[in-house]
Amino acid sequence: MYDNPAAPAAAGIGSGTLAMTGAGDLFWLALAAFALLALGLAVKRIVPVRGAKA
């Protein structure tokens, strides 16, 4: 892998592979989904809730 720097590009391996771990694009998609979920929950906490109309 490190002996030939052109090997990953020539082999068509996903460009999002994390070096030395083999974690590919699925890892980054899961990480992005988790980050977006955490962001959404944080915004939900910050935005004030409307009072219930009686």
PDB file of N, CA and C in Angstrom:
ATOM      1  N   MET A   1       0.821  -1.187   0.000  1.00  0.00           N
ATOM      2  CA  MET A   1       0.000   0.000   0.000  1.00  0.00           C
ATOM      3  C   MET A   1       0.869   1.257   0.000  1.00  0.00           C
ATOM      4  N   TYR A   2       1.843   1.331   0.877  1.00  0.00           N
ATOM      5  CA  TYR A   2       2.676   2.518   0.960  1.00  0.00           C
ATOM      6  C   TYR A   2       3.900   2.435   0.057  1.00  0.00           C
ATOM      7  N   ASP A   3       4.189   1.250  -0.487  1.00  0.00           N
ATOM      8  CA  ASP A   3       5.309   1.126  -1.403  1.00  0.00           C
ATOM      9  C   ASP A   3       5.005   1.779  -2.743  1.00  0.00           C
ATOM     10  N   ASN A   4       3.739   1.750  -3.145  1.00  0.00           N
ATOM     11  CA  ASN A   4       3.333   2.320  -4.421  1.00  0.00           C
ATOM     12  C   ASN A   4       2.249   3.365  -4.162  1.00  0.00           C
ATOM     13  N   PRO A   5       2.588   4.652  -4.136  1.00  0.00           N
ATOM     14  CA  PRO A   5       1.594   5.676  -3.815  1.00  0.00           C
ATOM     15  C   PRO A   5       0.460   5.791  -4.829  1.00  0.00           C
ATOM     16  N   ALA A   6       0.645   5.295  -6.048  1.00  0.00           N
ATOM     17  CA  ALA A   6      -0.401   5.387  -7.060  1.00  0.00           C
ATOM     18  C   ALA A   6      -1.359   4.209  -7.006  1.00  0.00           C
ATOM     19  N   ALA A   7      -1.106   3.222  -6.171  1.00  0.00           N
ATOM     20  CA  ALA A   7      -1.928   2.010  -6.147  1.00  0.00           C
ATOM     21  C   ALA A   7      -3.380   2.266  -5.758  1.00  0.00           C
ATOM     22  N   PRO A   8      -3.689   3.018  -4.708  1.00  0.00           N
ATOM     23  CA  PRO A   8      -5.108   3.197  -4.372  1.00  0.00           C
ATOM     24  C   PRO A   8      -5.900   3.905  -5.462  1.00  0.00           C
ATOM     25  N   ALA A   9      -5.322   4.915  -6.100  1.00  0.00           N
ATOM     26  CA  ALA A   9      -6.032   5.634  -7.159  1.00  0.00           C
ATOM     27  C   ALA A   9      -6.204   4.735  -8.383  1.00  0.00           C
ATOM     28  N   ALA A  10      -5.183   3.957  -8.699  1.00  0.00           N
ATOM     29  CA  ALA A  10      -5.247   3.102  -9.879  1.00  0.00           C
ATOM     30  C   ALA A  10      -6.193   1.922  -9.661  1.00  0.00           C
ATOM     31  N   ALA A  11      -6.309   1.457  -8.401  1.00  0.00           N
ATOM     32  CA  ALA A  11      -7.156   0.315  -8.126  1.00  0.00           C
ATOM     33  C   ALA A  11      -8.620   0.707  -8.010  1.00  0.00           C
ATOM     34  N   GLY A  12      -8.899   1.991  -7.919  1.00  0.00           N
ATOM     35  CA  GLY A  12     -10.283   2.429  -7.821  1.00  0.00           C
ATOM     36  C   GLY A  12     -10.858   2.302  -6.429  1.00  0.00           C
ATOM     37  N   ILE A  13     -10.003   2.182  -5.430  1.00  0.00           N
ATOM     38  CA  ILE A  13     -10.469   2.096  -4.053  1.00  0.00           C
ATOM     39  C   ILE A  13     -11.047   3.450  -3.659  1.00  0.00           C
ATOM     40  N   GLY A  14     -12.069   3.448  -2.808  1.00  0.00           N
ATOM     41  CA  GLY A  14     -12.714   4.690  -2.408  1.00  0.00           C
ATOM     42  C   GLY A  14     -11.722   5.686  -1.848  1.00  0.00           C
ATOM     43  N   SER A  15     -11.872   6.925  -2.213  1.00  0.00           N
ATOM     44  CA  SER A  15     -10.908   7.939  -1.792  1.00  0.00           C
ATOM     45  C   SER A  15     -11.075   8.291  -0.324  1.00  0.00           C
ATOM     46  N   GLY A  16     -12.167   7.845   0.304  1.00  0.00           N
ATOM     47  CA  GLY A  16     -12.404   8.184   1.695  1.00  0.00           C
ATOM     48  C   GLY A  16     -11.841   7.179   2.672  1.00  0.00           C
ATOM     49  N   THR A  17     -10.991   6.271   2.209  1.00  0.00           N
ATOM     50  CA  THR A  17     -10.461   5.256   3.118  1.00  0.00           C
ATOM     51  C   THR A  17      -9.525   5.881   4.121  1.00  0.00           C
ATOM     52  N   LEU A  18      -9.688   5.509   5.362  1.00  0.00           N
ATOM     53  CA  LEU A  18      -8.869   6.035   6.439  1.00  0.00           C
ATOM     54  C   LEU A  18      -7.571   5.239   6.476  1.00  0.00           C
ATOM     55  N   ALA A  19      -6.444   5.925   6.480  1.00  0.00           N
ATOM     56  CA  ALA A  19      -5.148   5.272   6.403  1.00  0.00           C
ATOM     57  C   ALA A  19      -4.935   4.301   7.552  1.00  0.00           C
ATOM     58  N   MET A  20      -4.410   3.147   7.246  1.00  0.00           N
ATOM     59  CA  MET A  20      -3.991   2.121   8.200  1.00  0.00           C
ATOM     60  C   MET A  20      -5.150   1.408   8.913  1.00  0.00           C
ATOM     61  N   THR A  21      -6.400   1.803   8.674  1.00  0.00           N
ATOM     62  CA  THR A  21      -7.499   1.154   9.374  1.00  0.00           C
ATOM     63  C   THR A  21      -8.396   0.369   8.441  1.00  0.00           C
ATOM     64  N   GLY A  22      -8.478   0.773   7.190  1.00  0.00           N
ATOM     65  CA  GLY A  22      -9.371   0.107   6.255  1.00  0.00           C
ATOM     66  C   GLY A  22     -10.795   0.616   6.349  1.00  0.00           C
ATOM     67  N   ALA A  23     -11.058   1.607   7.218  1.00  0.00           N
ATOM     68  CA  ALA A  23     -12.405   2.169   7.312  1.00  0.00           C
ATOM     69  C   ALA A  23     -12.693   2.945   6.041  1.00  0.00           C
ATOM     70  N   GLY A  24     -13.751   2.581   5.351  1.00  0.00           N
ATOM     71  CA  GLY A  24     -14.039   3.200   4.065  1.00  0.00           C
ATOM     72  C   GLY A  24     -15.125   4.249   4.130  1.00  0.00           C
ATOM     73  N   ASP A  25     -15.797   4.415   3.011  1.00  0.00           N
ATOM     74  CA  ASP A  25     -16.802   5.466   2.880  1.00  0.00           C
ATOM     75  C   ASP A  25     -17.992   5.249   3.809  1.00  0.00           C
ATOM     76  N   LEU A  26     -18.340   4.007   4.101  1.00  0.00           N
ATOM     77  CA  LEU A  26     -19.460   3.737   5.000  1.00  0.00           C
ATOM     78  C   LEU A  26     -19.195   4.312   6.385  1.00  0.00           C
ATOM     79  N   PHE A  27     -17.960   4.247   6.833  1.00  0.00           N
ATOM     80  CA  PHE A  27     -17.584   4.832   8.122  1.00  0.00           C
ATOM     81  C   PHE A  27     -17.839   6.330   8.135  1.00  0.00           C
ATOM     82  N   TRP A  28     -17.438   7.008   7.064  1.00  0.00           N
ATOM     83  CA  TRP A  28     -17.607   8.458   7.016  1.00  0.00           C
ATOM     84  C   TRP A  28     -19.072   8.837   6.899  1.00  0.00           C
ATOM     85  N   LEU A  29     -19.871   8.041   6.195  1.00  0.00           N
ATOM     86  CA  LEU A  29     -21.305   8.309   6.111  1.00  0.00           C
ATOM     87  C   LEU A  29     -21.973   8.140   7.477  1.00  0.00           C
ATOM     88  N   ALA A  30     -21.591   7.103   8.209  1.00  0.00           N
ATOM     89  CA  ALA A  30     -22.142   6.904   9.550  1.00  0.00           C
ATOM     90  C   ALA A  30     -21.716   8.033  10.479  1.00  0.00           C
ATOM     91  N   LEU A  31     -20.484   8.473  10.365  1.00  0.00           N
ATOM     92  CA  LEU A  31     -19.993   9.576  11.195  1.00  0.00           C
ATOM     93  C   LEU A  31     -20.737  10.874  10.866  1.00  0.00           C
ATOM     94  N   ALA A  32     -20.985  11.120   9.601  1.00  0.00           N
ATOM     95  CA  ALA A  32     -21.730  12.311   9.194  1.00  0.00           C
ATOM     96  C   ALA A  32     -23.172  12.249   9.680  1.00  0.00           C
ATOM     97  N   ALA A  33     -23.793  11.076   9.600  1.00  0.00           N
ATOM     98  CA  ALA A  33     -25.169  10.923  10.087  1.00  0.00           C
ATOM     99  C   ALA A  33     -25.242  11.186  11.581  1.00  0.00           C
ATOM    100  N   PHE A  34     -24.287  10.664  12.334  1.00  0.00           N
ATOM    101  CA  PHE A  34     -24.257  10.902  13.775  1.00  0.00           C
ATOM    102  C   PHE A  34     -24.072  12.385  14.081  1.00  0.00           C
ATOM    103  N   ALA A  35     -23.191  13.054  13.350  1.00  0.00           N
ATOM    104  CA  ALA A  35     -22.945  14.478  13.584  1.00  0.00           C
ATOM    105  C   ALA A  35     -24.195  15.303  13.279  1.00  0.00           C
ATOM    106  N   LEU A  36     -24.890  14.979  12.197  1.00  0.00           N
ATOM    107  CA  LEU A  36     -26.111  15.708  11.865  1.00  0.00           C
ATOM    108  C   LEU A  36     -27.212  15.460  12.889  1.00  0.00           C
ATOM    109  N   LEU A  37     -27.315  14.249  13.378  1.00  0.00           N
ATOM    110  CA  LEU A  37     -28.295  13.938  14.421  1.00  0.00           C
ATOM    111  C   LEU A  37     -27.982  14.708  15.693  1.00  0.00           C
ATOM    112  N   ALA A  38     -26.725  14.730  16.091  1.00  0.00           N
ATOM    113  CA  ALA A  38     -26.326  15.477  17.287  1.00  0.00           C
ATOM    114  C   ALA A  38     -26.588  16.967  17.112  1.00  0.00           C
ATOM    115  N   LEU A  39     -26.325  17.503  15.930  1.00  0.00           N
ATOM    116  CA  LEU A  39     -26.590  18.911  15.664  1.00  0.00           C
ATOM    117  C   LEU A  39     -28.083  19.208  15.755  1.00  0.00           C
ATOM    118  N   GLY A  40     -28.894  18.353  15.180  1.00  0.00           N
ATOM    119  CA  GLY A  40     -30.335  18.545  15.230  1.00  0.00           C
ATOM    120  C   GLY A  40     -30.871  18.511  16.649  1.00  0.00           C
ATOM    121  N   LEU A  41     -30.384  17.584  17.458  1.00  0.00           N
ATOM    122  CA  LEU A  41     -30.828  17.507  18.845  1.00  0.00           C
ATOM    123  C   LEU A  41     -30.362  18.716  19.643  1.00  0.00           C
ATOM    124  N   ALA A  42     -29.178  19.225  19.350  1.00  0.00           N
ATOM    125  CA  ALA A  42     -28.681  20.411  20.053  1.00  0.00           C
ATOM    126  C   ALA A  42     -29.522  21.631  19.694  1.00  0.00           C
ATOM    127  N   VAL A  43     -29.850  21.781  18.428  1.00  0.00           N
ATOM    128  CA  VAL A  43     -30.688  22.909  18.011  1.00  0.00           C
ATOM    129  C   VAL A  43     -32.068  22.797  18.636  1.00  0.00           C
ATOM    130  N   LYS A  44     -32.594  21.578  18.719  1.00  0.00           N
ATOM    131  CA  LYS A  44     -33.909  21.360  19.325  1.00  0.00           C
ATOM    132  C   LYS A  44     -33.920  21.778  20.795  1.00  0.00           C
ATOM    133  N   ARG A  45     -32.810  21.575  21.468  1.00  0.00           N
ATOM    134  CA  ARG A  45     -32.714  21.989  22.870  1.00  0.00           C
ATOM    135  C   ARG A  45     -32.642  23.499  23.010  1.00  0.00           C
ATOM    136  N   ILE A  46     -31.980  24.152  22.084  1.00  0.00           N
ATOM    137  CA  ILE A  46     -31.759  25.591  22.201  1.00  0.00           C
ATOM    138  C   ILE A  46     -33.006  26.392  21.829  1.00  0.00           C
ATOM    139  N   VAL A  47     -33.706  25.965  20.790  1.00  0.00           N
ATOM    140  CA  VAL A  47     -34.869  26.715  20.308  1.00  0.00           C
ATOM    141  C   VAL A  47     -35.976  26.641  21.342  1.00  0.00           C
ATOM    142  N   PRO A  48     -36.536  27.790  21.731  1.00  0.00           N
ATOM    143  CA  PRO A  48     -37.589  27.775  22.753  1.00  0.00           C
ATOM    144  C   PRO A  48     -38.862  27.079  22.260  1.00  0.00           C
ATOM    145  N   VAL A  49     -39.534  26.432  23.182  1.00  0.00           N
ATOM    146  CA  VAL A  49     -40.762  25.703  22.856  1.00  0.00           C
ATOM    147  C   VAL A  49     -41.943  26.661  23.035  1.00  0.00           C
ATOM    148  N   ARG A  50     -42.864  26.616  22.091  1.00  0.00           N
ATOM    149  CA  ARG A  50     -44.056  27.463  22.221  1.00  0.00           C
ATOM    150  C   ARG A  50     -44.920  26.947  23.358  1.00  0.00           C
ATOM    151  N   GLY A  51     -45.516  27.873  24.083  1.00  0.00           N
ATOM    152  CA  GLY A  51     -46.401  27.496  25.177  1.00  0.00           C
ATOM    153  C   GLY A  51     -47.697  26.903  24.656  1.00  0.00           C
ATOM    154  N   ALA A  52     -48.232  25.953  25.373  1.00  0.00           N
ATOM    155  CA  ALA A  52     -49.493  25.321  24.970  1.00  0.00           C
ATOM    156  C   ALA A  52     -50.638  26.313  25.168  1.00  0.00           C
ATOM    157  N   LYS A  53     -51.480  26.435  24.158  1.00  0.00           N
ATOM    158  CA  LYS A  53     -52.617  27.356  24.246  1.00  0.00           C
ATOM    159  C   LYS A  53     -53.800  26.618  24.874  1.00  0.00           C
ATOM    160  N   ALA A  54     -54.324  27.193  25.923  1.00  0.00           N
ATOM    161  CA  ALA A  54     -55.424  26.538  26.626  1.00  0.00           C
ATOM    162  C   ALA A  54     -56.771  27.041  26.165  1.00  0.00           C
TER     163      ALA A  54
END
